[in-house]
Amino acid sequence: MTTLDCRAHKCPHPVVETRKLLLASPGTPLTVLVGDETARENVSRLARSQGYQVEATPSEGGFTLQLSPGTAPASTVADAPAAGKTVAFITADTLGDGNEELGRILMKNFIFTLAELDAPPDTLLFANAGVKLTTEGSEVLEALEKIACMGSDIASCGLCLEFYQLKDKLAAGRATNMLDIVETLQKAGRVIRP
């Protein structure tokens, strides 16, 4: 049986890594070690959604999760996918309202998680303070490069880059304009607004 040790990592890392193993070896038992209650809950929910039974026990440094293949959950009838591309419209370098430090951590996790999806959004549009994520010194440049290599178009508002004096520091994707942003959003089948 494979053991995945994620005790030193916070979410979303344990969920992303568990998902990778479940998809790589469906129907195979897996032991996952997590360091906190949040990771225990999130990994358990993921495993159950994939048809696994979960036995969680407290252990040194957190929890041990025994994931055993069970019966696949009954499929639900989903709505037809939206016609058109999926566009992520990111207008800040933080996610949500409240504590700014937490918001930066959440946005970083959001971008890292997008990079781990089998199919990331077709286009990532960055405007206002969101352009700071695509410029030199950003902690998410490696993740954005990975997303771009998967075929996603990454575009940052040129006016916003100028406003923040970052036009010469663009490091991921291309500069664009408001007409392109509006047309891309108008034609999108689905828009993600973190």
N, C-alpha and C. Protein backbone atom coordinates (compact mmCIF):
# COMPACT_ATOMS: atom_id res chain seq x y z
N MET A 1 0.85 -1.18 0.00
CA MET A 1 0.00 0.00 0.00
C MET A 1 0.89 1.24 0.00
N THR A 2 0.51 2.23 -0.78
CA THR A 2 1.25 3.49 -0.88
C THR A 2 0.91 4.39 0.29
N THR A 3 1.94 5.09 0.81
CA THR A 3 1.72 6.07 1.87
C THR A 3 2.17 7.43 1.37
N LEU A 4 1.31 8.41 1.52
CA LEU A 4 1.58 9.79 1.13
C LEU A 4 1.69 10.62 2.40
N ASP A 5 2.86 11.18 2.66
CA ASP A 5 3.09 11.96 3.88
C ASP A 5 2.99 13.45 3.57
N CYS A 6 1.88 14.05 4.00
CA CYS A 6 1.64 15.48 3.77
C CYS A 6 1.58 16.25 5.09
N ARG A 7 2.13 15.69 6.15
CA ARG A 7 2.02 16.33 7.46
C ARG A 7 2.67 17.71 7.51
N ALA A 8 3.68 17.94 6.71
CA ALA A 8 4.39 19.23 6.75
C ALA A 8 3.74 20.27 5.84
N HIS A 9 2.63 19.90 5.19
CA HIS A 9 2.02 20.81 4.20
C HIS A 9 0.60 21.20 4.60
N LYS A 10 0.24 22.42 4.28
CA LYS A 10 -1.12 22.92 4.48
C LYS A 10 -1.91 22.74 3.18
N CYS A 11 -3.23 22.79 3.31
CA CYS A 11 -4.08 22.71 2.12
C CYS A 11 -3.78 23.92 1.23
N PRO A 12 -3.81 23.73 -0.09
CA PRO A 12 -4.44 22.63 -0.81
C PRO A 12 -3.48 21.47 -1.13
N HIS A 13 -2.21 21.56 -0.74
CA HIS A 13 -1.22 20.55 -1.12
C HIS A 13 -1.67 19.11 -0.83
N PRO A 14 -2.15 18.78 0.40
CA PRO A 14 -2.55 17.38 0.64
C PRO A 14 -3.67 16.91 -0.29
N VAL A 15 -4.62 17.77 -0.58
CA VAL A 15 -5.74 17.40 -1.46
C VAL A 15 -5.24 17.19 -2.89
N VAL A 16 -4.41 18.12 -3.36
CA VAL A 16 -3.90 18.03 -4.73
C VAL A 16 -3.08 16.76 -4.92
N GLU A 17 -2.18 16.46 -3.96
CA GLU A 17 -1.33 15.28 -4.09
C GLU A 17 -2.14 13.98 -3.96
N THR A 18 -3.13 13.98 -3.06
CA THR A 18 -3.99 12.79 -2.93
C THR A 18 -4.77 12.57 -4.22
N ARG A 19 -5.31 13.63 -4.78
CA ARG A 19 -6.07 13.53 -6.03
C ARG A 19 -5.21 12.94 -7.14
N LYS A 20 -3.96 13.40 -7.24
CA LYS A 20 -3.06 12.87 -8.27
C LYS A 20 -2.91 11.35 -8.13
N LEU A 21 -2.68 10.88 -6.89
CA LEU A 21 -2.50 9.44 -6.69
C LEU A 21 -3.78 8.66 -6.95
N LEU A 22 -4.93 9.20 -6.53
CA LEU A 22 -6.19 8.50 -6.77
C LEU A 22 -6.48 8.39 -8.26
N LEU A 23 -6.15 9.42 -9.02
CA LEU A 23 -6.39 9.38 -10.47
C LEU A 23 -5.37 8.48 -11.17
N ALA A 24 -4.14 8.45 -10.65
CA ALA A 24 -3.10 7.63 -11.28
C ALA A 24 -3.33 6.14 -11.05
N SER A 25 -3.89 5.79 -9.89
CA SER A 25 -4.11 4.37 -9.56
C SER A 25 -5.51 4.19 -8.98
N PRO A 26 -6.54 4.33 -9.81
CA PRO A 26 -7.90 4.20 -9.29
C PRO A 26 -8.15 2.82 -8.70
N GLY A 27 -8.90 2.79 -7.62
CA GLY A 27 -9.24 1.52 -6.98
C GLY A 27 -8.14 0.93 -6.13
N THR A 28 -7.08 1.67 -5.89
CA THR A 28 -5.96 1.18 -5.08
C THR A 28 -6.02 1.80 -3.69
N PRO A 29 -5.85 1.00 -2.63
CA PRO A 29 -5.83 1.56 -1.27
C PRO A 29 -4.68 2.55 -1.12
N LEU A 30 -4.87 3.53 -0.26
CA LEU A 30 -3.88 4.58 -0.05
C LEU A 30 -3.92 5.03 1.40
N THR A 31 -2.75 5.26 1.99
CA THR A 31 -2.65 5.84 3.32
C THR A 31 -2.13 7.26 3.15
N VAL A 32 -2.84 8.22 3.74
CA VAL A 32 -2.43 9.61 3.66
C VAL A 32 -2.22 10.14 5.08
N LEU A 33 -1.06 10.73 5.31
CA LEU A 33 -0.75 11.34 6.60
C LEU A 33 -0.90 12.85 6.44
N VAL A 34 -1.75 13.45 7.29
CA VAL A 34 -1.97 14.89 7.24
C VAL A 34 -1.70 15.50 8.61
N GLY A 35 -1.38 16.80 8.61
CA GLY A 35 -0.95 17.44 9.84
C GLY A 35 -1.99 18.21 10.60
N ASP A 36 -3.19 18.39 10.03
CA ASP A 36 -4.19 19.18 10.76
C ASP A 36 -5.61 18.74 10.39
N GLU A 37 -6.55 19.27 11.15
CA GLU A 37 -7.96 18.93 11.00
C GLU A 37 -8.51 19.34 9.63
N THR A 38 -8.10 20.51 9.14
CA THR A 38 -8.59 20.99 7.84
C THR A 38 -8.19 20.03 6.73
N ALA A 39 -6.92 19.62 6.71
CA ALA A 39 -6.46 18.67 5.69
C ALA A 39 -7.18 17.33 5.84
N ARG A 40 -7.41 16.89 7.08
CA ARG A 40 -8.14 15.64 7.30
C ARG A 40 -9.52 15.71 6.67
N GLU A 41 -10.24 16.80 6.92
CA GLU A 41 -11.59 16.96 6.38
C GLU A 41 -11.58 17.04 4.85
N ASN A 42 -10.66 17.85 4.31
CA ASN A 42 -10.63 18.06 2.86
C ASN A 42 -10.23 16.79 2.09
N VAL A 43 -9.21 16.08 2.58
CA VAL A 43 -8.79 14.85 1.92
C VAL A 43 -9.88 13.78 2.04
N SER A 44 -10.51 13.71 3.19
CA SER A 44 -11.60 12.73 3.38
C SER A 44 -12.75 13.00 2.42
N ARG A 45 -13.13 14.28 2.28
CA ARG A 45 -14.23 14.64 1.38
C ARG A 45 -13.86 14.28 -0.07
N LEU A 46 -12.63 14.57 -0.47
CA LEU A 46 -12.18 14.22 -1.82
C LEU A 46 -12.28 12.71 -2.04
N ALA A 47 -11.73 11.94 -1.09
CA ALA A 47 -11.71 10.48 -1.23
C ALA A 47 -13.13 9.92 -1.33
N ARG A 48 -14.02 10.39 -0.48
CA ARG A 48 -15.42 9.91 -0.54
C ARG A 48 -16.06 10.25 -1.87
N SER A 49 -15.74 11.43 -2.42
CA SER A 49 -16.32 11.82 -3.71
C SER A 49 -15.83 10.92 -4.83
N GLN A 50 -14.68 10.25 -4.61
CA GLN A 50 -14.13 9.34 -5.61
C GLN A 50 -14.50 7.88 -5.33
N GLY A 51 -15.39 7.66 -4.34
CA GLY A 51 -15.87 6.32 -4.06
C GLY A 51 -15.04 5.55 -3.05
N TYR A 52 -14.18 6.22 -2.31
CA TYR A 52 -13.35 5.56 -1.30
C TYR A 52 -14.00 5.66 0.07
N GLN A 53 -13.78 4.65 0.89
CA GLN A 53 -14.16 4.71 2.29
C GLN A 53 -12.95 5.25 3.04
N VAL A 54 -13.21 6.05 4.07
CA VAL A 54 -12.13 6.71 4.79
C VAL A 54 -12.20 6.35 6.27
N GLU A 55 -11.07 5.91 6.79
CA GLU A 55 -10.94 5.69 8.23
C GLU A 55 -9.84 6.63 8.72
N ALA A 56 -10.20 7.59 9.56
CA ALA A 56 -9.25 8.58 10.07
C ALA A 56 -8.96 8.30 11.54
N THR A 57 -7.67 8.26 11.87
CA THR A 57 -7.28 8.06 13.26
C THR A 57 -6.19 9.07 13.61
N PRO A 58 -6.25 9.62 14.85
CA PRO A 58 -5.18 10.52 15.28
C PRO A 58 -3.85 9.76 15.31
N SER A 59 -2.79 10.45 14.90
CA SER A 59 -1.47 9.83 14.92
C SER A 59 -0.43 10.91 15.20
N GLU A 60 0.81 10.51 15.32
CA GLU A 60 1.88 11.46 15.62
C GLU A 60 1.95 12.52 14.53
N GLY A 61 1.83 13.77 14.92
CA GLY A 61 1.91 14.87 13.97
C GLY A 61 0.64 15.15 13.21
N GLY A 62 -0.48 14.53 13.58
CA GLY A 62 -1.73 14.81 12.89
C GLY A 62 -2.68 13.64 12.82
N PHE A 63 -2.99 13.20 11.59
CA PHE A 63 -3.97 12.13 11.38
C PHE A 63 -3.47 11.17 10.31
N THR A 64 -3.85 9.90 10.46
CA THR A 64 -3.62 8.89 9.44
C THR A 64 -4.96 8.58 8.79
N LEU A 65 -5.01 8.71 7.49
CA LEU A 65 -6.23 8.42 6.74
C LEU A 65 -6.02 7.16 5.90
N GLN A 66 -6.81 6.15 6.17
CA GLN A 66 -6.78 4.92 5.37
C GLN A 66 -7.89 5.04 4.33
N LEU A 67 -7.50 5.11 3.07
CA LEU A 67 -8.46 5.22 1.98
C LEU A 67 -8.60 3.86 1.31
N SER A 68 -9.80 3.31 1.38
CA SER A 68 -10.07 1.98 0.81
C SER A 68 -11.09 2.11 -0.31
N PRO A 69 -10.84 1.46 -1.44
CA PRO A 69 -11.80 1.54 -2.54
C PRO A 69 -13.15 0.97 -2.11
N GLY A 70 -14.17 1.65 -2.47
CA GLY A 70 -15.53 1.20 -2.19
C GLY A 70 -16.31 1.23 -3.48
N THR A 71 -17.56 1.51 -3.37
CA THR A 71 -18.37 1.63 -4.57
C THR A 71 -18.37 3.08 -5.00
N ALA A 72 -18.28 3.27 -6.27
CA ALA A 72 -18.28 4.64 -6.81
C ALA A 72 -19.59 5.32 -6.45
N PRO A 73 -19.54 6.61 -6.13
CA PRO A 73 -20.77 7.31 -5.80
C PRO A 73 -21.70 7.35 -7.00
N ALA A 74 -22.99 7.32 -6.71
CA ALA A 74 -23.96 7.38 -7.80
C ALA A 74 -23.76 8.67 -8.57
N SER A 75 -23.72 8.54 -9.88
CA SER A 75 -23.51 9.75 -10.67
C SER A 75 -24.78 10.59 -10.64
N THR A 76 -24.56 11.87 -10.62
CA THR A 76 -25.69 12.79 -10.64
C THR A 76 -25.76 13.39 -12.03
N VAL A 77 -26.95 13.75 -12.42
CA VAL A 77 -27.11 14.37 -13.72
C VAL A 77 -26.64 15.81 -13.60
N ALA A 78 -25.63 16.13 -14.37
CA ALA A 78 -25.06 17.47 -14.33
C ALA A 78 -25.65 18.30 -15.46
N ASP A 79 -25.64 19.60 -15.23
CA ASP A 79 -26.06 20.50 -16.29
C ASP A 79 -25.08 20.39 -17.44
N ALA A 80 -25.55 20.64 -18.63
CA ALA A 80 -24.67 20.65 -19.79
C ALA A 80 -23.61 21.73 -19.59
N PRO A 81 -22.38 21.45 -19.99
CA PRO A 81 -21.35 22.47 -19.83
C PRO A 81 -21.68 23.70 -20.65
N ALA A 82 -21.25 24.84 -20.15
CA ALA A 82 -21.49 26.08 -20.86
C ALA A 82 -20.71 26.09 -22.16
N ALA A 83 -21.32 26.64 -23.19
CA ALA A 83 -20.63 26.76 -24.47
C ALA A 83 -19.64 27.91 -24.37
N GLY A 84 -18.49 27.73 -24.92
CA GLY A 84 -17.49 28.79 -24.88
C GLY A 84 -16.37 28.45 -23.91
N LYS A 85 -15.39 29.30 -23.88
CA LYS A 85 -14.20 29.07 -23.07
C LYS A 85 -14.41 29.45 -21.62
N THR A 86 -13.54 28.88 -20.77
CA THR A 86 -13.53 29.24 -19.36
C THR A 86 -12.45 30.30 -19.16
N VAL A 87 -12.84 31.40 -18.52
CA VAL A 87 -11.94 32.53 -18.31
C VAL A 87 -11.87 32.83 -16.81
N ALA A 88 -10.65 32.93 -16.28
CA ALA A 88 -10.45 33.39 -14.91
C ALA A 88 -10.12 34.87 -14.99
N PHE A 89 -10.91 35.69 -14.29
CA PHE A 89 -10.73 37.15 -14.30
C PHE A 89 -10.25 37.56 -12.92
N ILE A 90 -8.97 37.86 -12.81
CA ILE A 90 -8.31 38.10 -11.53
C ILE A 90 -7.97 39.58 -11.42
N THR A 91 -8.64 40.26 -10.49
CA THR A 91 -8.51 41.71 -10.39
C THR A 91 -7.83 42.18 -9.11
N ALA A 92 -7.21 41.27 -8.39
CA ALA A 92 -6.51 41.64 -7.16
C ALA A 92 -5.37 40.65 -6.94
N ASP A 93 -4.41 41.06 -6.11
CA ASP A 93 -3.34 40.13 -5.76
C ASP A 93 -3.62 39.44 -4.43
N THR A 94 -4.84 39.65 -3.92
CA THR A 94 -5.31 38.95 -2.73
C THR A 94 -6.65 38.31 -3.07
N LEU A 95 -7.05 37.32 -2.28
CA LEU A 95 -8.34 36.67 -2.49
C LEU A 95 -9.23 36.96 -1.30
N GLY A 96 -10.39 37.52 -1.56
CA GLY A 96 -11.36 37.79 -0.51
C GLY A 96 -11.09 39.08 0.25
N ASP A 97 -12.01 39.39 1.12
CA ASP A 97 -11.88 40.57 1.98
C ASP A 97 -11.42 40.13 3.35
N GLY A 98 -10.81 41.04 4.07
CA GLY A 98 -10.34 40.71 5.41
C GLY A 98 -8.85 40.92 5.52
N ASN A 99 -8.19 40.01 6.17
CA ASN A 99 -6.77 40.12 6.42
C ASN A 99 -5.98 40.04 5.12
N GLU A 100 -5.13 41.04 4.87
CA GLU A 100 -4.39 41.12 3.61
C GLU A 100 -3.37 39.98 3.48
N GLU A 101 -2.69 39.64 4.56
CA GLU A 101 -1.70 38.56 4.52
C GLU A 101 -2.38 37.23 4.17
N LEU A 102 -3.52 36.96 4.81
CA LEU A 102 -4.27 35.75 4.49
C LEU A 102 -4.76 35.78 3.05
N GLY A 103 -5.21 36.95 2.59
CA GLY A 103 -5.66 37.09 1.20
C GLY A 103 -4.58 36.76 0.20
N ARG A 104 -3.33 37.16 0.49
CA ARG A 104 -2.21 36.84 -0.41
C ARG A 104 -1.94 35.34 -0.42
N ILE A 105 -2.00 34.72 0.75
CA ILE A 105 -1.80 33.27 0.84
C ILE A 105 -2.89 32.53 0.07
N LEU A 106 -4.14 32.97 0.22
CA LEU A 106 -5.25 32.33 -0.48
C LEU A 106 -5.12 32.47 -2.00
N MET A 107 -4.71 33.66 -2.46
CA MET A 107 -4.56 33.85 -3.91
C MET A 107 -3.43 32.98 -4.44
N LYS A 108 -2.34 32.90 -3.70
CA LYS A 108 -1.23 32.03 -4.09
C LYS A 108 -1.71 30.58 -4.19
N ASN A 109 -2.47 30.12 -3.20
CA ASN A 109 -3.02 28.76 -3.24
C ASN A 109 -3.99 28.57 -4.40
N PHE A 110 -4.77 29.59 -4.70
CA PHE A 110 -5.71 29.54 -5.82
C PHE A 110 -4.96 29.31 -7.14
N ILE A 111 -3.91 30.11 -7.37
CA ILE A 111 -3.14 29.99 -8.61
C ILE A 111 -2.43 28.64 -8.67
N PHE A 112 -1.82 28.22 -7.54
CA PHE A 112 -1.14 26.92 -7.51
C PHE A 112 -2.13 25.79 -7.80
N THR A 113 -3.34 25.89 -7.28
CA THR A 113 -4.35 24.86 -7.50
C THR A 113 -4.80 24.84 -8.97
N LEU A 114 -4.94 26.02 -9.59
CA LEU A 114 -5.26 26.07 -11.02
C LEU A 114 -4.21 25.31 -11.83
N ALA A 115 -2.95 25.45 -11.41
CA ALA A 115 -1.85 24.79 -12.14
C ALA A 115 -1.90 23.28 -12.01
N GLU A 116 -2.61 22.77 -11.02
CA GLU A 116 -2.70 21.32 -10.81
C GLU A 116 -3.93 20.69 -11.47
N LEU A 117 -4.81 21.51 -12.01
CA LEU A 117 -6.00 20.98 -12.67
C LEU A 117 -5.63 20.28 -13.97
N ASP A 118 -6.40 19.27 -14.32
CA ASP A 118 -6.20 18.61 -15.60
C ASP A 118 -6.49 19.57 -16.75
N ALA A 119 -7.45 20.44 -16.56
CA ALA A 119 -7.83 21.41 -17.58
C ALA A 119 -7.99 22.78 -16.92
N PRO A 120 -6.92 23.57 -16.87
CA PRO A 120 -7.04 24.91 -16.29
C PRO A 120 -7.89 25.79 -17.19
N PRO A 121 -8.27 26.98 -16.73
CA PRO A 121 -9.05 27.87 -17.59
C PRO A 121 -8.34 28.12 -18.93
N ASP A 122 -9.12 28.38 -19.95
CA ASP A 122 -8.55 28.66 -21.27
C ASP A 122 -7.77 29.97 -21.27
N THR A 123 -8.28 30.94 -20.50
CA THR A 123 -7.65 32.25 -20.44
C THR A 123 -7.63 32.74 -19.00
N LEU A 124 -6.53 33.35 -18.61
CA LEU A 124 -6.43 34.03 -17.32
C LEU A 124 -6.21 35.50 -17.63
N LEU A 125 -7.16 36.33 -17.23
CA LEU A 125 -7.06 37.78 -17.43
C LEU A 125 -6.73 38.43 -16.09
N PHE A 126 -5.73 39.31 -16.09
CA PHE A 126 -5.32 40.01 -14.87
C PHE A 126 -5.53 41.50 -15.07
N ALA A 127 -6.22 42.14 -14.11
CA ALA A 127 -6.46 43.58 -14.16
C ALA A 127 -6.25 44.16 -12.77
N ASN A 128 -6.17 45.48 -12.72
CA ASN A 128 -5.93 46.22 -11.49
C ASN A 128 -4.74 45.59 -10.75
N ALA A 129 -4.82 45.40 -9.43
CA ALA A 129 -3.68 44.87 -8.67
C ALA A 129 -3.38 43.42 -9.03
N GLY A 130 -4.27 42.74 -9.74
CA GLY A 130 -4.01 41.37 -10.17
C GLY A 130 -2.78 41.27 -11.05
N VAL A 131 -2.43 42.36 -11.77
CA VAL A 131 -1.25 42.31 -12.64
C VAL A 131 0.04 42.11 -11.85
N LYS A 132 0.03 42.40 -10.57
CA LYS A 132 1.23 42.19 -9.75
C LYS A 132 1.61 40.71 -9.71
N LEU A 133 0.65 39.84 -9.93
CA LEU A 133 0.90 38.40 -9.92
C LEU A 133 1.68 37.94 -11.15
N THR A 134 1.65 38.71 -12.23
CA THR A 134 2.28 38.30 -13.49
C THR A 134 3.63 38.98 -13.72
N THR A 135 4.12 39.71 -12.73
CA THR A 135 5.34 40.48 -12.92
C THR A 135 6.49 39.96 -12.06
N GLU A 136 7.69 40.43 -12.37
CA GLU A 136 8.89 40.01 -11.66
C GLU A 136 8.68 40.09 -10.15
N GLY A 137 9.17 39.07 -9.45
CA GLY A 137 9.06 39.04 -8.00
C GLY A 137 7.82 38.34 -7.49
N SER A 138 6.87 38.02 -8.36
CA SER A 138 5.65 37.34 -7.94
C SER A 138 5.97 35.91 -7.52
N GLU A 139 5.31 35.46 -6.46
CA GLU A 139 5.52 34.10 -5.97
C GLU A 139 4.82 33.04 -6.81
N VAL A 140 3.99 33.46 -7.75
CA VAL A 140 3.23 32.48 -8.53
C VAL A 140 3.68 32.37 -9.99
N LEU A 141 4.83 32.94 -10.31
CA LEU A 141 5.30 32.91 -11.70
C LEU A 141 5.49 31.48 -12.22
N GLU A 142 6.05 30.61 -11.39
CA GLU A 142 6.28 29.23 -11.82
C GLU A 142 4.95 28.53 -12.11
N ALA A 143 3.96 28.76 -11.26
CA ALA A 143 2.64 28.16 -11.49
C ALA A 143 2.01 28.73 -12.76
N LEU A 144 2.15 30.04 -12.98
CA LEU A 144 1.59 30.64 -14.20
C LEU A 144 2.29 30.10 -15.44
N GLU A 145 3.59 29.88 -15.36
CA GLU A 145 4.32 29.29 -16.49
C GLU A 145 3.80 27.89 -16.79
N LYS A 146 3.54 27.12 -15.75
CA LYS A 146 3.00 25.77 -15.93
C LYS A 146 1.62 25.84 -16.59
N ILE A 147 0.78 26.77 -16.14
CA ILE A 147 -0.55 26.94 -16.73
C ILE A 147 -0.43 27.33 -18.20
N ALA A 148 0.50 28.24 -18.50
CA ALA A 148 0.70 28.65 -19.90
C ALA A 148 1.17 27.48 -20.75
N CYS A 149 2.03 26.64 -20.20
CA CYS A 149 2.52 25.47 -20.94
C CYS A 149 1.41 24.46 -21.21
N MET A 150 0.33 24.53 -20.43
CA MET A 150 -0.81 23.64 -20.64
C MET A 150 -1.77 24.22 -21.68
N GLY A 151 -1.43 25.39 -22.23
CA GLY A 151 -2.23 25.96 -23.32
C GLY A 151 -3.09 27.15 -22.95
N SER A 152 -3.02 27.61 -21.73
CA SER A 152 -3.83 28.76 -21.31
C SER A 152 -3.18 30.06 -21.79
N ASP A 153 -4.03 31.00 -22.19
CA ASP A 153 -3.57 32.34 -22.55
C ASP A 153 -3.56 33.19 -21.28
N ILE A 154 -2.45 33.83 -20.99
CA ILE A 154 -2.33 34.69 -19.81
C ILE A 154 -2.13 36.11 -20.30
N ALA A 155 -3.04 37.00 -19.90
CA ALA A 155 -2.99 38.38 -20.39
C ALA A 155 -3.22 39.35 -19.24
N SER A 156 -2.38 40.40 -19.20
CA SER A 156 -2.46 41.43 -18.17
C SER A 156 -2.82 42.76 -18.79
N CYS A 157 -3.68 43.50 -18.14
CA CYS A 157 -4.11 44.82 -18.58
C CYS A 157 -2.90 45.76 -18.70
N GLY A 158 -2.65 46.28 -19.89
CA GLY A 158 -1.51 47.17 -20.11
C GLY A 158 -1.62 48.46 -19.32
N LEU A 159 -2.81 49.05 -19.25
CA LEU A 159 -3.01 50.28 -18.49
C LEU A 159 -2.71 50.04 -17.01
N CYS A 160 -3.11 48.89 -16.51
CA CYS A 160 -2.86 48.54 -15.10
C CYS A 160 -1.36 48.37 -14.85
N LEU A 161 -0.66 47.72 -15.78
CA LEU A 161 0.78 47.56 -15.66
C LEU A 161 1.46 48.92 -15.61
N GLU A 162 1.00 49.85 -16.47
CA GLU A 162 1.56 51.21 -16.47
C GLU A 162 1.26 51.92 -15.15
N PHE A 163 0.04 51.81 -14.67
CA PHE A 163 -0.36 52.48 -13.42
C PHE A 163 0.52 52.06 -12.26
N TYR A 164 0.80 50.77 -12.16
CA TYR A 164 1.63 50.24 -11.08
C TYR A 164 3.12 50.28 -11.42
N GLN A 165 3.47 50.90 -12.56
CA GLN A 165 4.85 51.02 -13.02
C GLN A 165 5.53 49.65 -13.14
N LEU A 166 4.79 48.71 -13.75
CA LEU A 166 5.28 47.34 -13.89
C LEU A 166 5.36 46.89 -15.35
N LYS A 167 5.14 47.81 -16.28
CA LYS A 167 5.10 47.42 -17.70
C LYS A 167 6.38 46.72 -18.14
N ASP A 168 7.52 47.18 -17.66
CA ASP A 168 8.80 46.56 -18.05
C ASP A 168 9.12 45.32 -17.23
N LYS A 169 8.25 44.96 -16.28
CA LYS A 169 8.52 43.83 -15.40
C LYS A 169 7.58 42.66 -15.65
N LEU A 170 6.78 42.75 -16.71
CA LEU A 170 5.87 41.65 -17.04
C LEU A 170 6.69 40.38 -17.28
N ALA A 171 6.37 39.31 -16.55
CA ALA A 171 7.16 38.08 -16.63
C ALA A 171 6.35 36.86 -17.03
N ALA A 172 5.05 36.96 -17.03
CA ALA A 172 4.19 35.84 -17.42
C ALA A 172 3.11 36.34 -18.36
N GLY A 173 3.02 35.73 -19.51
CA GLY A 173 1.97 36.09 -20.45
C GLY A 173 2.28 37.34 -21.24
N ARG A 174 1.21 38.02 -21.64
CA ARG A 174 1.32 39.18 -22.52
C ARG A 174 0.52 40.34 -21.96
N ALA A 175 0.81 41.54 -22.45
CA ALA A 175 0.00 42.71 -22.11
C ALA A 175 -1.18 42.76 -23.07
N THR A 176 -2.31 43.26 -22.58
CA THR A 176 -3.50 43.37 -23.41
C THR A 176 -4.19 44.70 -23.12
N ASN A 177 -5.37 44.87 -23.70
CA ASN A 177 -6.12 46.12 -23.52
C ASN A 177 -7.55 45.82 -23.09
N MET A 178 -8.27 46.86 -22.72
CA MET A 178 -9.62 46.67 -22.20
C MET A 178 -10.58 46.10 -23.24
N LEU A 179 -10.42 46.45 -24.50
CA LEU A 179 -11.29 45.89 -25.53
C LEU A 179 -11.12 44.37 -25.59
N ASP A 180 -9.89 43.90 -25.58
CA ASP A 180 -9.63 42.46 -25.60
C ASP A 180 -10.20 41.79 -24.36
N ILE A 181 -10.04 42.43 -23.20
CA ILE A 181 -10.57 41.87 -21.95
C ILE A 181 -12.08 41.74 -22.01
N VAL A 182 -12.75 42.81 -22.43
CA VAL A 182 -14.22 42.80 -22.49
C VAL A 182 -14.73 41.78 -23.50
N GLU A 183 -14.11 41.73 -24.67
CA GLU A 183 -14.54 40.76 -25.69
C GLU A 183 -14.32 39.32 -25.21
N THR A 184 -13.21 39.07 -24.55
CA THR A 184 -12.93 37.72 -24.04
C THR A 184 -13.97 37.33 -23.00
N LEU A 185 -14.29 38.25 -22.09
CA LEU A 185 -15.30 37.97 -21.07
C LEU A 185 -16.68 37.78 -21.70
N GLN A 186 -17.00 38.60 -22.71
CA GLN A 186 -18.31 38.51 -23.37
C GLN A 186 -18.51 37.18 -24.07
N LYS A 187 -17.45 36.64 -24.64
CA LYS A 187 -17.54 35.38 -25.40
C LYS A 187 -17.38 34.15 -24.51
N ALA A 188 -17.00 34.35 -23.25
CA ALA A 188 -16.73 33.22 -22.35
C ALA A 188 -17.98 32.42 -22.05
N GLY A 189 -17.83 31.12 -21.95
CA GLY A 189 -18.94 30.27 -21.52
C GLY A 189 -19.07 30.29 -20.01
N ARG A 190 -17.94 30.51 -19.34
CA ARG A 190 -17.92 30.53 -17.87
C ARG A 190 -16.80 31.48 -17.44
N VAL A 191 -17.09 32.33 -16.44
CA VAL A 191 -16.09 33.24 -15.90
C VAL A 191 -15.89 32.92 -14.43
N ILE A 192 -14.63 32.72 -14.06
CA ILE A 192 -14.27 32.46 -12.65
C ILE A 192 -13.73 33.77 -12.09
N ARG A 193 -14.33 34.20 -10.97
CA ARG A 193 -13.89 35.44 -10.30
C ARG A 193 -13.46 35.10 -8.88
N PRO A 194 -12.17 34.88 -8.64
CA PRO A 194 -11.74 34.54 -7.27
C PRO A 194 -11.87 35.75 -6.34
